[in-house]
Every structure is written in C-alpha cells, then in structure tokens.
Amino acid sequence: MDNLNHTERLLNLVYMIQKSPGIQAGELAKIFGRTTRTIQRDIGNLRKAGFNISSSTGAAGGFASRGSYYLKPLVFTGAEALAIFVASRVLLEQNGFPYTNDLKSALGKVSQVICEKDEQFFQRLEPRTSIVIK
C-alpha cells in the first residue's frame, strides 16, 4: 500500500482502524509503508477532520474508532437512470462490444439505486424509450 496518495491513505487508515480495533501505529506503518511518526500525524489530521479515533497506550493499546463513517449512498433519479439505460442500449446493440456482460451487470446495479419517488417513472418509461442515431 505504499503507493497510495495521502487522501487514499487517510481513508484506508480509517477503514483499518474500524476493521481492527486496537491496531497499533507500528502495524499501520508497516501496512502503509510509512513511518510510525507519519501514521501518528495522519491520525491527528483525521481527528482534526472530525473522526472520533481514540488511542490507548501499553502492550494492549492501539487505535479504535468510536463511530462508523460511510460514504453517502449512490442514488439516481429516474431521468438519470433512463439516460444511462438508453445510452447503454446503443452500445449493447453493437456486435462485438467487448464489455457487454460488464455493462449489463452495471445496469442491474443502477436499477437498484433509483430514487424511490422516481422508480415508477423509470419502470414505466424505460421499456418504451429508444434512441435513433443518424
């Protein structure tokens, strides 16, 4: 993990502390290919940013997070999902399109994260919408 940029390292640091409560700075330094001092500085920066990270000293000490931090869930409006599906149809109709299975998988995921209030809009229009390219 030594090639991570600073922001990636900070996000991964939060993840590692949540995943392994009590993890020590030395172990984190080895995982991220940094010095213990750099890890301590990173944790200080995370605390300044509002992450509730506690620490304890001694042989059984280490870092722990007193909260769970998640990215906001991805949600598409019905119109956004419709635009993605219609544009995807153009690609899926091309013979030899190399990402057919991946695109179909992605479309399945998009259909699962449509804004609840727009879901009926999408379900009603998607099968009836097409595009003609000249």
C-alpha atoms as a PDB file:
ATOM      1  CA  MET A   1       0.000   0.000   0.000  1.00  0.00           C
ATOM      2  CA  ASP A   2       2.998   2.286  -0.157  1.00  0.00           C
ATOM      3  CA  ASN A   3       1.957   3.896  -3.441  1.00  0.00           C
ATOM      4  CA  LEU A   4      -1.300   5.385  -2.104  1.00  0.00           C
ATOM      5  CA  ASN A   5      -1.708   9.125  -2.236  1.00  0.00           C
ATOM      6  CA  HIS A   6      -2.340  10.985   1.010  1.00  0.00           C
ATOM      7  CA  THR A   7      -6.149  11.078   0.776  1.00  0.00           C
ATOM      8  CA  GLU A   8      -6.361   7.389  -0.116  1.00  0.00           C
ATOM      9  CA  ARG A   9      -4.089   6.575   2.804  1.00  0.00           C
ATOM     10  CA  LEU A  10      -6.269   8.557   5.221  1.00  0.00           C
ATOM     11  CA  LEU A  11      -9.446   6.826   4.028  1.00  0.00           C
ATOM     12  CA  ASN A  12      -7.782   3.427   4.220  1.00  0.00           C
ATOM     13  CA  LEU A  13      -6.439   4.300   7.663  1.00  0.00           C
ATOM     14  CA  VAL A  14      -9.985   4.936   8.919  1.00  0.00           C
ATOM     15  CA  TYR A  15     -11.072   1.631   7.382  1.00  0.00           C
ATOM     16  CA  MET A  16      -8.208  -0.306   9.016  1.00  0.00           C
ATOM     17  CA  ILE A  17      -8.887   1.228  12.434  1.00  0.00           C
ATOM     18  CA  GLN A  18     -12.587   0.358  12.162  1.00  0.00           C
ATOM     19  CA  LYS A  19     -11.808  -3.145  10.937  1.00  0.00           C
ATOM     20  CA  SER A  20      -9.156  -3.871  13.579  1.00  0.00           C
ATOM     21  CA  PRO A  21      -9.840  -2.003  16.833  1.00  0.00           C
ATOM     22  CA  GLY A  22      -6.668  -1.836  18.914  1.00  0.00           C
ATOM     23  CA  ILE A  23      -4.372  -1.837  15.894  1.00  0.00           C
ATOM     24  CA  GLN A  24      -1.075  -0.185  16.736  1.00  0.00           C
ATOM     25  CA  ALA A  25       0.804   2.569  14.920  1.00  0.00           C
ATOM     26  CA  GLY A  26       3.722   0.249  14.126  1.00  0.00           C
ATOM     27  CA  GLU A  27       1.455  -2.247  12.402  1.00  0.00           C
ATOM     28  CA  LEU A  28      -0.280   0.531  10.454  1.00  0.00           C
ATOM     29  CA  ALA A  29       3.130   1.906   9.445  1.00  0.00           C
ATOM     30  CA  LYS A  30       4.097  -1.491   8.004  1.00  0.00           C
ATOM     31  CA  ILE A  31       0.779  -1.856   6.154  1.00  0.00           C
ATOM     32  CA  PHE A  32       1.015   1.608   4.574  1.00  0.00           C
ATOM     33  CA  GLY A  33       4.785   1.677   4.059  1.00  0.00           C
ATOM     34  CA  ARG A  34       5.215   4.795   6.182  1.00  0.00           C
ATOM     35  CA  THR A  35       6.893   5.670   9.468  1.00  0.00           C
ATOM     36  CA  THR A  36       5.123   5.467  12.801  1.00  0.00           C
ATOM     37  CA  ARG A  37       5.508   9.251  13.035  1.00  0.00           C
ATOM     38  CA  THR A  38       3.650   9.702   9.715  1.00  0.00           C
ATOM     39  CA  ILE A  39       0.821   7.448  10.927  1.00  0.00           C
ATOM     40  CA  GLN A  40       0.568   9.462  14.150  1.00  0.00           C
ATOM     41  CA  ARG A  41       0.406  12.680  12.103  1.00  0.00           C
ATOM     42  CA  ASP A  42      -2.254  11.168   9.805  1.00  0.00           C
ATOM     43  CA  ILE A  43      -4.372  10.164  12.794  1.00  0.00           C
ATOM     44  CA  GLY A  44      -4.014  13.686  14.190  1.00  0.00           C
ATOM     45  CA  ASN A  45      -5.265  15.062  10.872  1.00  0.00           C
ATOM     46  CA  LEU A  46      -8.205  12.643  10.894  1.00  0.00           C
ATOM     47  CA  ARG A  47      -9.121  13.784  14.395  1.00  0.00           C
ATOM     48  CA  LYS A  48      -8.983  17.429  13.274  1.00  0.00           C
ATOM     49  CA  ALA A  49     -11.324  16.496  10.413  1.00  0.00           C
ATOM     50  CA  GLY A  50     -13.865  15.170  12.920  1.00  0.00           C
ATOM     51  CA  PHE A  51     -13.137  11.441  13.023  1.00  0.00           C
ATOM     52  CA  ASN A  52     -13.516  10.124  16.550  1.00  0.00           C
ATOM     53  CA  ILE A  53     -10.386   7.982  16.921  1.00  0.00           C
ATOM     54  CA  SER A  54      -9.305   7.001  20.407  1.00  0.00           C
ATOM     55  CA  SER A  55      -5.939   5.649  21.436  1.00  0.00           C
ATOM     56  CA  SER A  56      -4.589   3.767  24.394  1.00  0.00           C
ATOM     57  CA  THR A  57      -1.016   3.076  25.402  1.00  0.00           C
ATOM     58  CA  GLY A  58       0.752  -0.037  26.566  1.00  0.00           C
ATOM     59  CA  ALA A  59       1.199  -3.532  25.189  1.00  0.00           C
ATOM     60  CA  ALA A  60      -2.531  -3.975  24.578  1.00  0.00           C
ATOM     61  CA  GLY A  61      -3.012  -0.394  23.381  1.00  0.00           C
ATOM     62  CA  GLY A  62      -3.752   0.885  19.945  1.00  0.00           C
ATOM     63  CA  PHE A  63      -6.280   2.868  17.957  1.00  0.00           C
ATOM     64  CA  ALA A  64     -10.033   2.442  17.822  1.00  0.00           C
ATOM     65  CA  SER A  65     -12.829   4.354  16.159  1.00  0.00           C
ATOM     66  CA  ARG A  66     -15.858   5.471  18.116  1.00  0.00           C
ATOM     67  CA  GLY A  67     -18.088   5.781  15.138  1.00  0.00           C
ATOM     68  CA  SER A  68     -18.846   4.410  11.759  1.00  0.00           C
ATOM     69  CA  TYR A  69     -18.152   6.504   8.716  1.00  0.00           C
ATOM     70  CA  TYR A  70     -19.707   5.744   5.369  1.00  0.00           C
ATOM     71  CA  LEU A  71     -19.929   7.440   2.016  1.00  0.00           C
ATOM     72  CA  LYS A  72     -23.375   8.665   1.080  1.00  0.00           C
ATOM     73  CA  PRO A  73     -25.230   6.023  -0.900  1.00  0.00           C
ATOM     74  CA  LEU A  74     -25.392   6.496  -4.632  1.00  0.00           C
ATOM     75  CA  VAL A  75     -28.911   7.292  -5.870  1.00  0.00           C
ATOM     76  CA  PHE A  76     -30.029   8.074  -9.429  1.00  0.00           C
ATOM     77  CA  THR A  77     -33.156   9.994 -10.353  1.00  0.00           C
ATOM     78  CA  GLY A  78     -35.478   8.229 -12.750  1.00  0.00           C
ATOM     79  CA  ALA A  79     -34.363  10.521 -15.579  1.00  0.00           C
ATOM     80  CA  GLU A  80     -30.669   9.875 -14.860  1.00  0.00           C
ATOM     81  CA  ALA A  81     -31.212   6.120 -14.826  1.00  0.00           C
ATOM     82  CA  LEU A  82     -33.250   6.342 -18.012  1.00  0.00           C
ATOM     83  CA  ALA A  83     -30.448   8.265 -19.741  1.00  0.00           C
ATOM     84  CA  ILE A  84     -27.916   5.619 -18.716  1.00  0.00           C
ATOM     85  CA  PHE A  85     -30.135   2.766 -19.901  1.00  0.00           C
ATOM     86  CA  VAL A  86     -30.953   4.389 -23.235  1.00  0.00           C
ATOM     87  CA  ALA A  87     -27.306   5.239 -23.949  1.00  0.00           C
ATOM     88  CA  SER A  88     -26.296   1.715 -22.936  1.00  0.00           C
ATOM     89  CA  ARG A  89     -28.719   0.187 -25.416  1.00  0.00           C
ATOM     90  CA  VAL A  90     -26.742   1.806 -28.228  1.00  0.00           C
ATOM     91  CA  LEU A  91     -23.576   0.063 -27.055  1.00  0.00           C
ATOM     92  CA  LEU A  92     -25.280  -3.247 -26.376  1.00  0.00           C
ATOM     93  CA  GLU A  93     -26.646  -3.338 -29.917  1.00  0.00           C
ATOM     94  CA  GLN A  94     -23.130  -3.152 -31.366  1.00  0.00           C
ATOM     95  CA  ASN A  95     -21.793  -6.528 -32.480  1.00  0.00           C
ATOM     96  CA  GLY A  96     -18.596  -7.375 -30.686  1.00  0.00           C
ATOM     97  CA  PHE A  97     -18.924  -4.790 -27.928  1.00  0.00           C
ATOM     98  CA  PRO A  98     -16.286  -6.179 -25.523  1.00  0.00           C
ATOM     99  CA  TYR A  99     -17.952  -5.112 -22.267  1.00  0.00           C
ATOM    100  CA  THR A 100     -21.452  -6.463 -22.836  1.00  0.00           C
ATOM    101  CA  ASN A 101     -21.587  -8.575 -19.666  1.00  0.00           C
ATOM    102  CA  ASP A 102     -19.993  -5.861 -17.549  1.00  0.00           C
ATOM    103  CA  LEU A 103     -22.413  -3.236 -18.850  1.00  0.00           C
ATOM    104  CA  LYS A 104     -25.400  -5.481 -18.187  1.00  0.00           C
ATOM    105  CA  SER A 105     -24.126  -6.058 -14.655  1.00  0.00           C
ATOM    106  CA  ALA A 106     -23.682  -2.300 -14.131  1.00  0.00           C
ATOM    107  CA  LEU A 107     -27.195  -1.620 -15.421  1.00  0.00           C
ATOM    108  CA  GLY A 108     -28.569  -4.098 -12.900  1.00  0.00           C
ATOM    109  CA  LYS A 109     -26.829  -2.165 -10.153  1.00  0.00           C
ATOM    110  CA  VAL A 110     -28.084   1.188 -11.450  1.00  0.00           C
ATOM    111  CA  SER A 111     -31.654  -0.127 -11.449  1.00  0.00           C
ATOM    112  CA  GLN A 112     -31.262  -0.945  -7.744  1.00  0.00           C
ATOM    113  CA  VAL A 113     -30.348   2.611  -6.750  1.00  0.00           C
ATOM    114  CA  ILE A 114     -33.063   4.669  -8.393  1.00  0.00           C
ATOM    115  CA  CYS A 115     -34.624   7.300  -6.172  1.00  0.00           C
ATOM    116  CA  GLU A 116     -37.733   5.721  -4.661  1.00  0.00           C
ATOM    117  CA  LYS A 117     -40.045   8.534  -5.773  1.00  0.00           C
ATOM    118  CA  ASP A 118     -38.809   8.177  -9.394  1.00  0.00           C
ATOM    119  CA  GLU A 119     -38.851   4.389  -9.586  1.00  0.00           C
ATOM    120  CA  GLN A 120     -42.313   4.195 -11.165  1.00  0.00           C
ATOM    121  CA  PHE A 121     -41.333   6.873 -13.682  1.00  0.00           C
ATOM    122  CA  PHE A 122     -38.325   4.794 -14.702  1.00  0.00           C
ATOM    123  CA  GLN A 123     -40.216   1.470 -14.764  1.00  0.00           C
ATOM    124  CA  ARG A 124     -42.932   2.981 -16.958  1.00  0.00           C
ATOM    125  CA  LEU A 125     -40.671   4.744 -19.495  1.00  0.00           C
ATOM    126  CA  GLU A 126     -37.570   2.541 -19.774  1.00  0.00           C
ATOM    127  CA  PRO A 127     -39.125  -0.221 -21.902  1.00  0.00           C
ATOM    128  CA  ARG A 128     -40.749   2.372 -24.193  1.00  0.00           C
ATOM    129  CA  THR A 129     -37.762   4.638 -24.760  1.00  0.00           C
ATOM    130  CA  SER A 130     -35.303   4.314 -27.614  1.00  0.00           C
ATOM    131  CA  ILE A 131     -32.836   6.464 -29.453  1.00  0.00           C
ATOM    132  CA  VAL A 132     -32.070   6.864 -33.129  1.00  0.00           C
ATOM    133  CA  ILE A 133     -28.573   7.922 -34.124  1.00  0.00           C
ATOM    134  CA  LYS A 134     -28.105   9.462 -37.577  1.00  0.00           C
END
